[in-house]
Every structure is written in structure tokens, then in C-alpha cells.
Full PDB file with SEQRES, HELIX, SHEET, SSBOND, CRYST1, ORIGX, SCALE, CONECT and MASTER records, all heavy atoms in Angstrom:
SEQRES   1 A   44  ASN GLN SER ASN PHE THR GLN LYS LEU ASN PRO VAL TYR          
SEQRES   2 A   44  GLU ALA ILE LYS ILE THR ARG LYS ASN LEU ASP LYS THR          
SEQRES   3 A   44  LYS SER LEU ILE SER PHE VAL GLY ALA PRO TRP THR LEU          
SEQRES   4 A   44  ALA VAL TYR MET LEU                                          
HELIX    1 AA1 GLN A    2  LYS A    8  1                                   7    
HELIX    2 AA2 ASN A   10  ASN A   22  1                                  13    
HELIX    3 AA3 PRO A   36  MET A   43  1                                   8    
CRYST1    1.000    1.000    1.000  90.00  90.00  90.00 P 1           1          
ORIGX1      1.000000  0.000000  0.000000        0.00000                         
ORIGX2      0.000000  1.000000  0.000000        0.00000                         
ORIGX3      0.000000  0.000000  1.000000        0.00000                         
SCALE1      1.000000  0.000000  0.000000        0.00000                         
SCALE2      0.000000  1.000000  0.000000        0.00000                         
SCALE3      0.000000  0.000000  1.000000        0.00000                         
ATOM      1  N   ASN A   1      67.686  35.324   8.724  1.00  0.00           N  
ATOM      2  CA  ASN A   1      68.335  34.488   7.711  1.00  0.00           C  
ATOM      3  C   ASN A   1      69.664  35.128   7.310  1.00  0.00           C  
ATOM      4  O   ASN A   1      69.885  36.316   7.525  1.00  0.00           O  
ATOM      5  CB  ASN A   1      67.430  34.239   6.495  1.00  0.00           C  
ATOM      6  CG  ASN A   1      67.167  35.508   5.725  1.00  0.00           C  
ATOM      7  OD1 ASN A   1      68.085  36.141   5.218  1.00  0.00           O  
ATOM      8  ND2 ASN A   1      65.901  35.888   5.643  1.00  0.00           N  
ATOM      9  N   GLN A   2      70.520  34.298   6.733  1.00  0.00           N  
ATOM     10  CA  GLN A   2      71.905  34.724   6.523  1.00  0.00           C  
ATOM     11  C   GLN A   2      72.041  35.855   5.516  1.00  0.00           C  
ATOM     12  O   GLN A   2      72.911  36.708   5.659  1.00  0.00           O  
ATOM     13  CB  GLN A   2      72.755  33.507   6.142  1.00  0.00           C  
ATOM     14  CG  GLN A   2      72.859  32.537   7.323  1.00  0.00           C  
ATOM     15  CD  GLN A   2      73.699  31.320   7.046  1.00  0.00           C  
ATOM     16  OE1 GLN A   2      74.193  31.124   5.948  1.00  0.00           O  
ATOM     17  NE2 GLN A   2      73.862  30.471   8.050  1.00  0.00           N  
ATOM     18  N   SER A   3      71.148  35.904   4.512  1.00  0.00           N  
ATOM     19  CA  SER A   3      71.337  36.972   3.522  1.00  0.00           C  
ATOM     20  C   SER A   3      70.924  38.333   4.085  1.00  0.00           C  
ATOM     21  O   SER A   3      71.580  39.342   3.817  1.00  0.00           O  
ATOM     22  CB  SER A   3      70.607  36.653   2.214  1.00  0.00           C  
ATOM     23  OG  SER A   3      69.233  36.598   2.438  1.00  0.00           O  
ATOM     24  N   ASN A   4      69.864  38.370   4.909  1.00  0.00           N  
ATOM     25  CA  ASN A   4      69.494  39.644   5.565  1.00  0.00           C  
ATOM     26  C   ASN A   4      70.592  40.115   6.505  1.00  0.00           C  
ATOM     27  O   ASN A   4      70.903  41.300   6.582  1.00  0.00           O  
ATOM     28  CB  ASN A   4      68.204  39.480   6.390  1.00  0.00           C  
ATOM     29  CG  ASN A   4      66.980  39.450   5.502  1.00  0.00           C  
ATOM     30  OD1 ASN A   4      67.088  39.618   4.292  1.00  0.00           O  
ATOM     31  ND2 ASN A   4      65.823  39.225   6.091  1.00  0.00           N  
ATOM     32  N   PHE A   5      71.131  39.150   7.228  1.00  0.00           N  
ATOM     33  CA  PHE A   5      72.204  39.422   8.181  1.00  0.00           C  
ATOM     34  C   PHE A   5      73.405  40.040   7.448  1.00  0.00           C  
ATOM     35  O   PHE A   5      73.944  41.078   7.848  1.00  0.00           O  
ATOM     36  CB  PHE A   5      72.582  38.107   8.877  1.00  0.00           C  
ATOM     37  CG  PHE A   5      73.786  38.182   9.777  1.00  0.00           C  
ATOM     38  CD1 PHE A   5      73.711  38.754  11.035  1.00  0.00           C  
ATOM     39  CD2 PHE A   5      75.004  37.635   9.372  1.00  0.00           C  
ATOM     40  CE1 PHE A   5      74.818  38.800  11.880  1.00  0.00           C  
ATOM     41  CE2 PHE A   5      76.114  37.670  10.205  1.00  0.00           C  
ATOM     42  CZ  PHE A   5      76.018  38.258  11.453  1.00  0.00           C  
ATOM     43  N   THR A   6      73.795  39.408   6.346  1.00  0.00           N  
ATOM     44  CA  THR A   6      74.933  39.899   5.554  1.00  0.00           C  
ATOM     45  C   THR A   6      74.654  41.299   5.023  1.00  0.00           C  
ATOM     46  O   THR A   6      75.526  42.177   5.041  1.00  0.00           O  
ATOM     47  CB  THR A   6      75.234  38.922   4.393  1.00  0.00           C  
ATOM     48  OG1 THR A   6      75.696  37.700   4.956  1.00  0.00           O  
ATOM     49  CG2 THR A   6      76.291  39.463   3.451  1.00  0.00           C  
ATOM     50  N   GLN A   7      73.423  41.499   4.561  1.00  0.00           N  
ATOM     51  CA  GLN A   7      73.060  42.810   4.001  1.00  0.00           C  
ATOM     52  C   GLN A   7      73.149  43.914   5.055  1.00  0.00           C  
ATOM     53  O   GLN A   7      73.676  44.994   4.801  1.00  0.00           O  
ATOM     54  CB  GLN A   7      71.639  42.724   3.457  1.00  0.00           C  
ATOM     55  CG  GLN A   7      71.381  43.719   2.344  1.00  0.00           C  
ATOM     56  CD  GLN A   7      69.987  43.513   1.752  1.00  0.00           C  
ATOM     57  OE1 GLN A   7      69.362  42.470   1.929  1.00  0.00           O  
ATOM     58  NE2 GLN A   7      69.509  44.535   1.072  1.00  0.00           N  
ATOM     59  N   LYS A   8      72.656  43.591   6.271  1.00  0.00           N  
ATOM     60  CA  LYS A   8      72.690  44.587   7.348  1.00  0.00           C  
ATOM     61  C   LYS A   8      74.119  44.979   7.724  1.00  0.00           C  
ATOM     62  O   LYS A   8      74.390  46.115   8.098  1.00  0.00           O  
ATOM     63  CB  LYS A   8      71.982  44.040   8.605  1.00  0.00           C  
ATOM     64  CG  LYS A   8      70.554  44.515   8.732  1.00  0.00           C  
ATOM     65  CD  LYS A   8      69.970  44.193  10.090  1.00  0.00           C  
ATOM     66  CE  LYS A   8      69.772  45.444  10.918  1.00  0.00           C  
ATOM     67  NZ  LYS A   8      68.904  45.243  12.082  1.00  0.00           N  
ATOM     68  N   LEU A   9      75.008  44.004   7.633  1.00  0.00           N  
ATOM     69  CA  LEU A   9      76.397  44.263   8.042  1.00  0.00           C  
ATOM     70  C   LEU A   9      77.308  44.584   6.864  1.00  0.00           C  
ATOM     71  O   LEU A   9      78.530  44.699   7.026  1.00  0.00           O  
ATOM     72  CB  LEU A   9      76.943  43.064   8.835  1.00  0.00           C  
ATOM     73  CG  LEU A   9      76.218  42.788  10.164  1.00  0.00           C  
ATOM     74  CD1 LEU A   9      76.920  41.689  10.938  1.00  0.00           C  
ATOM     75  CD2 LEU A   9      76.121  44.039  11.031  1.00  0.00           C  
ATOM     76  N   ASN A  10      76.724  44.759   5.693  1.00  0.00           N  
ATOM     77  CA  ASN A  10      77.535  45.025   4.503  1.00  0.00           C  
ATOM     78  C   ASN A  10      78.507  46.203   4.657  1.00  0.00           C  
ATOM     79  O   ASN A  10      79.642  46.142   4.182  1.00  0.00           O  
ATOM     80  CB  ASN A  10      76.638  45.215   3.277  1.00  0.00           C  
ATOM     81  CG  ASN A  10      77.455  45.129   2.012  1.00  0.00           C  
ATOM     82  OD1 ASN A  10      78.258  44.214   1.826  1.00  0.00           O  
ATOM     83  ND2 ASN A  10      77.319  46.126   1.156  1.00  0.00           N  
ATOM     84  N   PRO A  11      78.102  47.317   5.338  1.00  0.00           N  
ATOM     85  CA  PRO A  11      79.045  48.434   5.504  1.00  0.00           C  
ATOM     86  C   PRO A  11      80.339  48.027   6.223  1.00  0.00           C  
ATOM     87  O   PRO A  11      81.399  48.601   5.960  1.00  0.00           O  
ATOM     88  CB  PRO A  11      78.254  49.447   6.341  1.00  0.00           C  
ATOM     89  CG  PRO A  11      76.817  49.148   6.051  1.00  0.00           C  
ATOM     90  CD  PRO A  11      76.752  47.659   5.850  1.00  0.00           C  
ATOM     91  N   VAL A  12      80.259  47.033   7.103  1.00  0.00           N  
ATOM     92  CA  VAL A  12      81.469  46.538   7.789  1.00  0.00           C  
ATOM     93  C   VAL A  12      82.408  45.919   6.752  1.00  0.00           C  
ATOM     94  O   VAL A  12      83.621  46.141   6.771  1.00  0.00           O  
ATOM     95  CB  VAL A  12      81.105  45.496   8.877  1.00  0.00           C  
ATOM     96  CG1 VAL A  12      82.358  44.906   9.530  1.00  0.00           C  
ATOM     97  CG2 VAL A  12      80.192  46.111   9.929  1.00  0.00           C  
ATOM     98  N   TYR A  13      81.819  45.142   5.830  1.00  0.00           N  
ATOM     99  CA  TYR A  13      82.642  44.464   4.815  1.00  0.00           C  
ATOM    100  C   TYR A  13      83.209  45.487   3.822  1.00  0.00           C  
ATOM    101  O   TYR A  13      84.344  45.341   3.369  1.00  0.00           O  
ATOM    102  CB  TYR A  13      81.831  43.369   4.108  1.00  0.00           C  
ATOM    103  CG  TYR A  13      81.061  42.506   5.090  1.00  0.00           C  
ATOM    104  CD1 TYR A  13      79.723  42.171   4.890  1.00  0.00           C  
ATOM    105  CD2 TYR A  13      81.671  42.056   6.273  1.00  0.00           C  
ATOM    106  CE1 TYR A  13      79.014  41.412   5.817  1.00  0.00           C  
ATOM    107  CE2 TYR A  13      80.967  41.299   7.205  1.00  0.00           C  
ATOM    108  CZ  TYR A  13      79.638  40.981   6.978  1.00  0.00           C  
ATOM    109  OH  TYR A  13      78.945  40.242   7.903  1.00  0.00           O  
ATOM    110  N   GLU A  14      82.433  46.513   3.533  1.00  0.00           N  
ATOM    111  CA  GLU A  14      82.927  47.585   2.660  1.00  0.00           C  
ATOM    112  C   GLU A  14      84.127  48.281   3.304  1.00  0.00           C  
ATOM    113  O   GLU A  14      85.110  48.593   2.641  1.00  0.00           O  
ATOM    114  CB  GLU A  14      81.808  48.616   2.394  1.00  0.00           C  
ATOM    115  CG  GLU A  14      80.775  48.155   1.379  1.00  0.00           C  
ATOM    116  CD  GLU A  14      81.377  47.728   0.043  1.00  0.00           C  
ATOM    117  OE1 GLU A  14      82.230  48.461  -0.496  1.00  0.00           O  
ATOM    118  OE2 GLU A  14      81.007  46.638  -0.450  1.00  0.00           O  
ATOM    119  N   ALA A  15      84.024  48.515   4.624  1.00  0.00           N  
ATOM    120  CA  ALA A  15      85.126  49.160   5.358  1.00  0.00           C  
ATOM    121  C   ALA A  15      86.399  48.319   5.247  1.00  0.00           C  
ATOM    122  O   ALA A  15      87.502  48.856   5.095  1.00  0.00           O  
ATOM    123  CB  ALA A  15      84.748  49.340   6.820  1.00  0.00           C  
ATOM    124  N   ILE A  16      86.242  46.994   5.297  1.00  0.00           N  
ATOM    125  CA  ILE A  16      87.402  46.101   5.184  1.00  0.00           C  
ATOM    126  C   ILE A  16      88.017  46.218   3.784  1.00  0.00           C  
ATOM    127  O   ILE A  16      89.237  46.302   3.635  1.00  0.00           O  
ATOM    128  CB  ILE A  16      87.009  44.641   5.517  1.00  0.00           C  
ATOM    129  CG1 ILE A  16      86.649  44.537   7.013  1.00  0.00           C  
ATOM    130  CG2 ILE A  16      88.135  43.662   5.170  1.00  0.00           C  
ATOM    131  CD1 ILE A  16      86.112  43.196   7.460  1.00  0.00           C  
ATOM    132  N   LYS A  17      87.144  46.263   2.763  1.00  0.00           N  
ATOM    133  CA  LYS A  17      87.652  46.394   1.375  1.00  0.00           C  
ATOM    134  C   LYS A  17      88.468  47.672   1.214  1.00  0.00           C  
ATOM    135  O   LYS A  17      89.563  47.659   0.651  1.00  0.00           O  
ATOM    136  CB  LYS A  17      86.476  46.418   0.381  1.00  0.00           C  
ATOM    137  CG  LYS A  17      85.901  45.053   0.107  1.00  0.00           C  
ATOM    138  CD  LYS A  17      84.724  45.123  -0.865  1.00  0.00           C  
ATOM    139  CE  LYS A  17      83.970  43.802  -0.893  1.00  0.00           C  
ATOM    140  NZ  LYS A  17      82.630  43.932  -1.461  1.00  0.00           N  
ATOM    141  N   ILE A  18      87.928  48.772   1.730  1.00  0.00           N  
ATOM    142  CA  ILE A  18      88.611  50.076   1.609  1.00  0.00           C  
ATOM    143  C   ILE A  18      89.942  50.040   2.373  1.00  0.00           C  
ATOM    144  O   ILE A  18      90.977  50.496   1.886  1.00  0.00           O  
ATOM    145  CB  ILE A  18      87.713  51.227   2.153  1.00  0.00           C  
ATOM    146  CG1 ILE A  18      86.415  51.307   1.354  1.00  0.00           C  
ATOM    147  CG2 ILE A  18      88.443  52.570   2.108  1.00  0.00           C  
ATOM    148  CD1 ILE A  18      85.324  52.166   2.017  1.00  0.00           C  
ATOM    149  N   THR A  19      89.892  49.460   3.570  1.00  0.00           N  
ATOM    150  CA  THR A  19      91.102  49.399   4.405  1.00  0.00           C  
ATOM    151  C   THR A  19      92.182  48.567   3.710  1.00  0.00           C  
ATOM    152  O   THR A  19      93.344  48.979   3.637  1.00  0.00           O  
ATOM    153  CB  THR A  19      90.777  48.797   5.793  1.00  0.00           C  
ATOM    154  OG1 THR A  19      89.687  49.524   6.347  1.00  0.00           O  
ATOM    155  CG2 THR A  19      91.962  48.874   6.733  1.00  0.00           C  
ATOM    156  N   ARG A  20      91.768  47.417   3.189  1.00  0.00           N  
ATOM    157  CA  ARG A  20      92.750  46.540   2.524  1.00  0.00           C  
ATOM    158  C   ARG A  20      93.401  47.236   1.336  1.00  0.00           C  
ATOM    159  O   ARG A  20      94.601  47.135   1.107  1.00  0.00           O  
ATOM    160  CB  ARG A  20      92.051  45.249   2.086  1.00  0.00           C  
ATOM    161  CG  ARG A  20      92.920  44.175   1.474  1.00  0.00           C  
ATOM    162  CD  ARG A  20      93.920  43.544   2.417  1.00  0.00           C  
ATOM    163  NE  ARG A  20      95.203  44.242   2.479  1.00  0.00           N  
ATOM    164  CZ  ARG A  20      96.197  43.876   3.267  1.00  0.00           C  
ATOM    165  NH1 ARG A  20      96.068  42.862   4.101  1.00  0.00           N  
ATOM    166  NH2 ARG A  20      97.322  44.544   3.270  1.00  0.00           N  
ATOM    167  N   LYS A  21      92.570  47.998   0.609  1.00  0.00           N  
ATOM    168  CA  LYS A  21      93.074  48.698  -0.582  1.00  0.00           C  
ATOM    169  C   LYS A  21      94.122  49.756  -0.203  1.00  0.00           C  
ATOM    170  O   LYS A  21      95.102  49.970  -0.901  1.00  0.00           O  
ATOM    171  CB  LYS A  21      91.898  49.356  -1.319  1.00  0.00           C  
ATOM    172  CG  LYS A  21      92.180  49.559  -2.799  1.00  0.00           C  
ATOM    173  CD  LYS A  21      90.944  50.011  -3.539  1.00  0.00           C  
ATOM    174  CE  LYS A  21      90.813  51.523  -3.436  1.00  0.00           C  
ATOM    175  NZ  LYS A  21      89.527  52.030  -3.901  1.00  0.00           N  
ATOM    176  N   ASN A  22      93.902  50.399   0.968  1.00  0.00           N  
ATOM    177  CA  ASN A  22      94.790  51.497   1.381  1.00  0.00           C  
ATOM    178  C   ASN A  22      95.889  51.068   2.342  1.00  0.00           C  
ATOM    179  O   ASN A  22      96.673  51.899   2.803  1.00  0.00           O  
ATOM    180  CB  ASN A  22      93.964  52.612   2.011  1.00  0.00           C  
ATOM    181  CG  ASN A  22      93.056  53.254   0.983  1.00  0.00           C  
ATOM    182  OD1 ASN A  22      93.510  53.744  -0.042  1.00  0.00           O  
ATOM    183  ND2 ASN A  22      91.756  53.229   1.238  1.00  0.00           N  
ATOM    184  N   LEU A  23      95.929  49.780   2.653  1.00  0.00           N  
ATOM    185  CA  LEU A  23      96.901  49.271   3.606  1.00  0.00           C  
ATOM    186  C   LEU A  23      98.126  48.756   2.863  1.00  0.00           C  
ATOM    187  O   LEU A  23      97.994  48.108   1.827  1.00  0.00           O  
ATOM    188  CB  LEU A  23      96.246  48.136   4.416  1.00  0.00           C  
ATOM    189  CG  LEU A  23      96.987  47.566   5.614  1.00  0.00           C  
ATOM    190  CD1 LEU A  23      97.221  48.630   6.684  1.00  0.00           C  
ATOM    191  CD2 LEU A  23      96.182  46.407   6.224  1.00  0.00           C  
ATOM    192  N   ASP A  24      99.282  49.050   3.399  1.00  0.00           N  
ATOM    193  CA  ASP A  24     100.536  48.537   2.846  1.00  0.00           C  
ATOM    194  C   ASP A  24     100.409  47.013   2.664  1.00  0.00           C  
ATOM    195  O   ASP A  24      99.951  46.304   3.554  1.00  0.00           O  
ATOM    196  CB  ASP A  24     101.629  48.879   3.889  1.00  0.00           C  
ATOM    197  CG  ASP A  24     102.997  48.383   3.491  1.00  0.00           C  
ATOM    198  OD1 ASP A  24     103.093  47.402   2.734  1.00  0.00           O  
ATOM    199  OD2 ASP A  24     103.985  48.975   3.963  1.00  0.00           O  
ATOM    200  N   LYS A  25     100.833  46.540   1.499  1.00  0.00           N  
ATOM    201  CA  LYS A  25     100.680  45.103   1.155  1.00  0.00           C  
ATOM    202  C   LYS A  25     101.363  44.181   2.169  1.00  0.00           C  
ATOM    203  O   LYS A  25     100.996  43.023   2.316  1.00  0.00           O  
ATOM    204  CB  LYS A  25     101.283  44.822  -0.227  1.00  0.00           C  
ATOM    205  CG  LYS A  25     100.599  45.554  -1.384  1.00  0.00           C  
ATOM    206  CD  LYS A  25      99.331  44.826  -1.823  1.00  0.00           C  
ATOM    207  CE  LYS A  25      98.600  45.580  -2.924  1.00  0.00           C  
ATOM    208  NZ  LYS A  25      97.911  46.793  -2.437  1.00  0.00           N  
ATOM    209  N   THR A  26     102.403  44.684   2.861  1.00  0.00           N  
ATOM    210  CA  THR A  26     103.142  43.817   3.793  1.00  0.00           C  
ATOM    211  C   THR A  26     102.441  43.701   5.142  1.00  0.00           C  
ATOM    212  O   THR A  26     102.853  42.936   5.998  1.00  0.00           O  
ATOM    213  CB  THR A  26     104.566  44.362   4.037  1.00  0.00           C  
ATOM    214  OG1 THR A  26     104.430  45.651   4.671  1.00  0.00           O  
ATOM    215  CG2 THR A  26     105.348  44.502   2.752  1.00  0.00           C  
ATOM    216  N   LYS A  27     101.375  44.496   5.345  1.00  0.00           N  
ATOM    217  CA  LYS A  27     100.703  44.498   6.653  1.00  0.00           C  
ATOM    218  C   LYS A  27      99.481  43.570   6.643  1.00  0.00           C  
ATOM    219  O   LYS A  27      98.776  43.472   5.650  1.00  0.00           O  
ATOM    220  CB  LYS A  27     100.232  45.907   7.029  1.00  0.00           C  
ATOM    221  CG  LYS A  27     101.300  46.986   6.920  1.00  0.00           C  
ATOM    222  CD  LYS A  27     102.299  46.928   8.059  1.00  0.00           C  
ATOM    223  CE  LYS A  27     103.277  48.095   7.977  1.00  0.00           C  
ATOM    224  NZ  LYS A  27     104.286  48.020   9.013  1.00  0.00           N  
ATOM    225  N   SER A  28      99.256  42.977   7.784  1.00  0.00           N  
ATOM    226  CA  SER A  28      98.116  42.078   7.947  1.00  0.00           C  
ATOM    227  C   SER A  28      96.863  42.884   8.292  1.00  0.00           C  
ATOM    228  O   SER A  28      96.971  43.992   8.832  1.00  0.00           O  
ATOM    229  CB  SER A  28      98.460  41.134   9.099  1.00  0.00           C  
ATOM    230  OG  SER A  28      97.610  40.048   9.098  1.00  0.00           O  
ATOM    231  N   LEU A  29      95.692  42.352   7.975  1.00  0.00           N  
ATOM    232  CA  LEU A  29      94.426  43.012   8.358  1.00  0.00           C  
ATOM    233  C   LEU A  29      93.607  42.016   9.175  1.00  0.00           C  
ATOM    234  O   LEU A  29      93.193  40.964   8.685  1.00  0.00           O  
ATOM    235  CB  LEU A  29      93.656  43.481   7.121  1.00  0.00           C  
ATOM    236  CG  LEU A  29      92.305  44.166   7.370  1.00  0.00           C  
ATOM    237  CD1 LEU A  29      92.423  45.334   8.353  1.00  0.00           C  
ATOM    238  CD2 LEU A  29      91.690  44.654   6.060  1.00  0.00           C  
ATOM    239  N   ILE A  30      93.415  42.352  10.446  1.00  0.00           N  
ATOM    240  CA  ILE A  30      92.739  41.440  11.381  1.00  0.00           C  
ATOM    241  C   ILE A  30      91.276  41.839  11.539  1.00  0.00           C  
ATOM    242  O   ILE A  30      90.957  43.002  11.746  1.00  0.00           O  
ATOM    243  CB  ILE A  30      93.441  41.478  12.756  1.00  0.00           C  
ATOM    244  CG1 ILE A  30      94.929  41.108  12.604  1.00  0.00           C  
ATOM    245  CG2 ILE A  30      92.760  40.537  13.752  1.00  0.00           C  
ATOM    246  CD1 ILE A  30      95.767  41.369  13.854  1.00  0.00           C  
ATOM    247  N   SER A  31      90.404  40.850  11.419  1.00  0.00           N  
ATOM    248  CA  SER A  31      88.978  41.074  11.697  1.00  0.00           C  
ATOM    249  C   SER A  31      88.657  40.324  12.995  1.00  0.00           C  
ATOM    250  O   SER A  31      89.491  39.582  13.501  1.00  0.00           O  
ATOM    251  CB  SER A  31      88.136  40.532  10.553  1.00  0.00           C  
ATOM    252  OG  SER A  31      88.378  39.147  10.401  1.00  0.00           O  
ATOM    253  N   PHE A  32      87.462  40.506  13.520  1.00  0.00           N  
ATOM    254  CA  PHE A  32      87.161  39.819  14.782  1.00  0.00           C  
ATOM    255  C   PHE A  32      85.666  39.595  14.959  1.00  0.00           C  
ATOM    256  O   PHE A  32      84.832  40.213  14.288  1.00  0.00           O  
ATOM    257  CB  PHE A  32      87.724  40.599  15.977  1.00  0.00           C  
ATOM    258  CG  PHE A  32      87.145  41.990  16.134  1.00  0.00           C  
ATOM    259  CD1 PHE A  32      86.003  42.198  16.897  1.00  0.00           C  
ATOM    260  CD2 PHE A  32      87.745  43.079  15.521  1.00  0.00           C  
ATOM    261  CE1 PHE A  32      85.471  43.474  17.034  1.00  0.00           C  
ATOM    262  CE2 PHE A  32      87.216  44.357  15.665  1.00  0.00           C  
ATOM    263  CZ  PHE A  32      86.074  44.557  16.426  1.00  0.00           C  
ATOM    264  N   VAL A  33      85.353  38.693  15.881  1.00  0.00           N  
ATOM    265  CA  VAL A  33      83.962  38.451  16.308  1.00  0.00           C  
ATOM    266  C   VAL A  33      83.975  38.230  17.818  1.00  0.00           C  
ATOM    267  O   VAL A  33      85.019  37.917  18.394  1.00  0.00           O  
ATOM    268  CB  VAL A  33      83.342  37.204  15.629  1.00  0.00           C  
ATOM    269  CG1 VAL A  33      83.203  37.379  14.128  1.00  0.00           C  
ATOM    270  CG2 VAL A  33      84.126  35.941  15.959  1.00  0.00           C  
ATOM    271  N   GLY A  34      82.820  38.356  18.439  1.00  0.00           N  
ATOM    272  CA  GLY A  34      82.673  37.948  19.835  1.00  0.00           C  
ATOM    273  C   GLY A  34      82.362  36.463  19.853  1.00  0.00           C  
ATOM    274  O   GLY A  34      81.747  35.941  18.917  1.00  0.00           O  
ATOM    275  N   ALA A  35      82.802  35.773  20.888  1.00  0.00           N  
ATOM    276  CA  ALA A  35      82.462  34.351  21.025  1.00  0.00           C  
ATOM    277  C   ALA A  35      80.991  34.225  21.414  1.00  0.00           C  
ATOM    278  O   ALA A  35      80.402  35.159  21.969  1.00  0.00           O  
ATOM    279  CB  ALA A  35      83.349  33.719  22.092  1.00  0.00           C  
ATOM    280  N   PRO A  36      80.367  33.064  21.142  1.00  0.00           N  
ATOM    281  CA  PRO A  36      78.932  32.896  21.447  1.00  0.00           C  
ATOM    282  C   PRO A  36      78.560  33.270  22.887  1.00  0.00           C  
ATOM    283  O   PRO A  36      77.588  34.007  23.106  1.00  0.00           O  
ATOM    284  CB  PRO A  36      78.693  31.414  21.165  1.00  0.00           C  
ATOM    285  CG  PRO A  36      79.656  31.108  20.060  1.00  0.00           C  
ATOM    286  CD  PRO A  36      80.891  31.905  20.386  1.00  0.00           C  
ATOM    287  N   TRP A  37      79.324  32.793  23.866  1.00  0.00           N  
ATOM    288  CA  TRP A  37      78.979  33.089  25.265  1.00  0.00           C  
ATOM    289  C   TRP A  37      79.002  34.588  25.554  1.00  0.00           C  
ATOM    290  O   TRP A  37      78.087  35.150  26.147  1.00  0.00           O  
ATOM    291  CB  TRP A  37      79.925  32.352  26.229  1.00  0.00           C  
ATOM    292  CG  TRP A  37      79.953  32.975  27.603  1.00  0.00           C  
ATOM    293  CD1 TRP A  37      80.927  33.784  28.104  1.00  0.00           C  
ATOM    294  CD2 TRP A  37      78.961  32.863  28.631  1.00  0.00           C  
ATOM    295  NE1 TRP A  37      80.610  34.185  29.382  1.00  0.00           N  
ATOM    296  CE2 TRP A  37      79.401  33.634  29.736  1.00  0.00           C  
ATOM    297  CE3 TRP A  37      77.732  32.188  28.739  1.00  0.00           C  
ATOM    298  CZ2 TRP A  37      78.677  33.746  30.926  1.00  0.00           C  
ATOM    299  CZ3 TRP A  37      77.007  32.294  29.922  1.00  0.00           C  
ATOM    300  CH2 TRP A  37      77.467  33.076  30.999  1.00  0.00           C  
ATOM    301  N   THR A  38      80.067  35.260  25.139  1.00  0.00           N  
ATOM    302  CA  THR A  38      80.195  36.694  25.421  1.00  0.00           C  
ATOM    303  C   THR A  38      79.062  37.478  24.766  1.00  0.00           C  
ATOM    304  O   THR A  38      78.499  38.401  25.369  1.00  0.00           O  
ATOM    305  CB  THR A  38      81.588  37.195  24.972  1.00  0.00           C  
ATOM    306  OG1 THR A  38      82.549  36.669  25.905  1.00  0.00           O  
ATOM    307  CG2 THR A  38      81.684  38.710  24.960  1.00  0.00           C  
ATOM    308  N   LEU A  39      78.677  37.092  23.556  1.00  0.00           N  
ATOM    309  CA  LEU A  39      77.543  37.768  22.908  1.00  0.00           C  
ATOM    310  C   LEU A  39      76.246  37.485  23.672  1.00  0.00           C  
ATOM    311  O   LEU A  39      75.424  38.375  23.859  1.00  0.00           O  
ATOM    312  CB  LEU A  39      77.415  37.323  21.449  1.00  0.00           C  
ATOM    313  CG  LEU A  39      78.547  37.799  20.533  1.00  0.00           C  
ATOM    314  CD1 LEU A  39      78.330  37.303  19.110  1.00  0.00           C  
ATOM    315  CD2 LEU A  39      78.669  39.324  20.532  1.00  0.00           C  
ATOM    316  N   ALA A  40      76.096  36.237  24.140  1.00  0.00           N  
ATOM    317  CA  ALA A  40      74.894  35.873  24.897  1.00  0.00           C  
ATOM    318  C   ALA A  40      74.770  36.690  26.182  1.00  0.00           C  
ATOM    319  O   ALA A  40      73.668  37.077  26.581  1.00  0.00           O  
ATOM    320  CB  ALA A  40      74.905  34.371  25.214  1.00  0.00           C  
ATOM    321  N   VAL A  41      75.908  36.975  26.830  1.00  0.00           N  
ATOM    322  CA  VAL A  41      75.898  37.782  28.053  1.00  0.00           C  
ATOM    323  C   VAL A  41      75.247  39.142  27.773  1.00  0.00           C  
ATOM    324  O   VAL A  41      74.410  39.625  28.543  1.00  0.00           O  
ATOM    325  CB  VAL A  41      77.345  37.975  28.600  1.00  0.00           C  
ATOM    326  CG1 VAL A  41      77.393  39.053  29.665  1.00  0.00           C  
ATOM    327  CG2 VAL A  41      77.871  36.655  29.166  1.00  0.00           C  
ATOM    328  N   TYR A  42      75.606  39.743  26.635  1.00  0.00           N  
ATOM    329  CA  TYR A  42      75.013  41.037  26.265  1.00  0.00           C  
ATOM    330  C   TYR A  42      73.572  40.872  25.775  1.00  0.00           C  
ATOM    331  O   TYR A  42      72.690  41.629  26.155  1.00  0.00           O  
ATOM    332  CB  TYR A  42      75.847  41.703  25.157  1.00  0.00           C  
ATOM    333  CG  TYR A  42      77.183  42.210  25.636  1.00  0.00           C  
ATOM    334  CD1 TYR A  42      78.374  41.625  25.225  1.00  0.00           C  
ATOM    335  CD2 TYR A  42      77.262  43.296  26.510  1.00  0.00           C  
ATOM    336  CE1 TYR A  42      79.603  42.098  25.658  1.00  0.00           C  
ATOM    337  CE2 TYR A  42      78.489  43.782  26.954  1.00  0.00           C  
ATOM    338  CZ  TYR A  42      79.656  43.177  26.523  1.00  0.00           C  
ATOM    339  OH  TYR A  42      80.867  43.648  26.957  1.00  0.00           O  
ATOM    340  N   MET A  43      73.346  39.876  24.933  1.00  0.00           N  
ATOM    341  CA  MET A  43      72.030  39.722  24.296  1.00  0.00           C  
ATOM    342  C   MET A  43      70.935  39.381  25.302  1.00  0.00           C  
ATOM    343  O   MET A  43      69.798  39.814  25.165  1.00  0.00           O  
ATOM    344  CB  MET A  43      72.110  38.671  23.188  1.00  0.00           C  
ATOM    345  CG  MET A  43      72.968  39.130  22.004  1.00  0.00           C  
ATOM    346  SD  MET A  43      73.331  37.811  20.816  1.00  0.00           S  
ATOM    347  CE  MET A  43      71.796  37.780  19.874  1.00  0.00           C  
ATOM    348  N   LEU A  44      71.311  38.599  26.330  1.00  0.00           N  
ATOM    349  CA  LEU A  44      70.319  38.197  27.340  1.00  0.00           C  
ATOM    350  C   LEU A  44      70.422  39.043  28.615  1.00  0.00           C  
ATOM    351  O   LEU A  44      69.697  38.816  29.570  1.00  0.00           O  
ATOM    352  CB  LEU A  44      70.496  36.712  27.693  1.00  0.00           C  
ATOM    353  CG  LEU A  44      70.309  35.717  26.544  1.00  0.00           C  
ATOM    354  CD1 LEU A  44      70.684  34.311  26.986  1.00  0.00           C  
ATOM    355  CD2 LEU A  44      68.873  35.724  26.029  1.00  0.00           C  
TER     356      LEU A  44                                                      
MASTER        0    0    0    3    0    0    0    6  355    1    0    4          
END                                                                             
């Protein structure tokens, strides 16, 4: 379920918060995900 999933990955979101706080305001912060197919290749 989505709340367990979010909880497990919470340290990733914390890392983003810390990075944003320490990053120059003029710089962009890019996050990413794998596409469904590419994840399926690994998962299966």
C-alpha cells in the first residue's frame, strides 16, 4: 500500500529536503524514477 511504500522510502525524501536546503537557490534539483518496463526487467 502507498503509505508503507512512502514510509520505506522516506530517507530518500529526507535527502531531497536536505539537498534543497543546501543548494544554491538558482540551481535546479532533479529527481528521477525508472520507467515501468525497465523496472519490470529487473523485478522479473
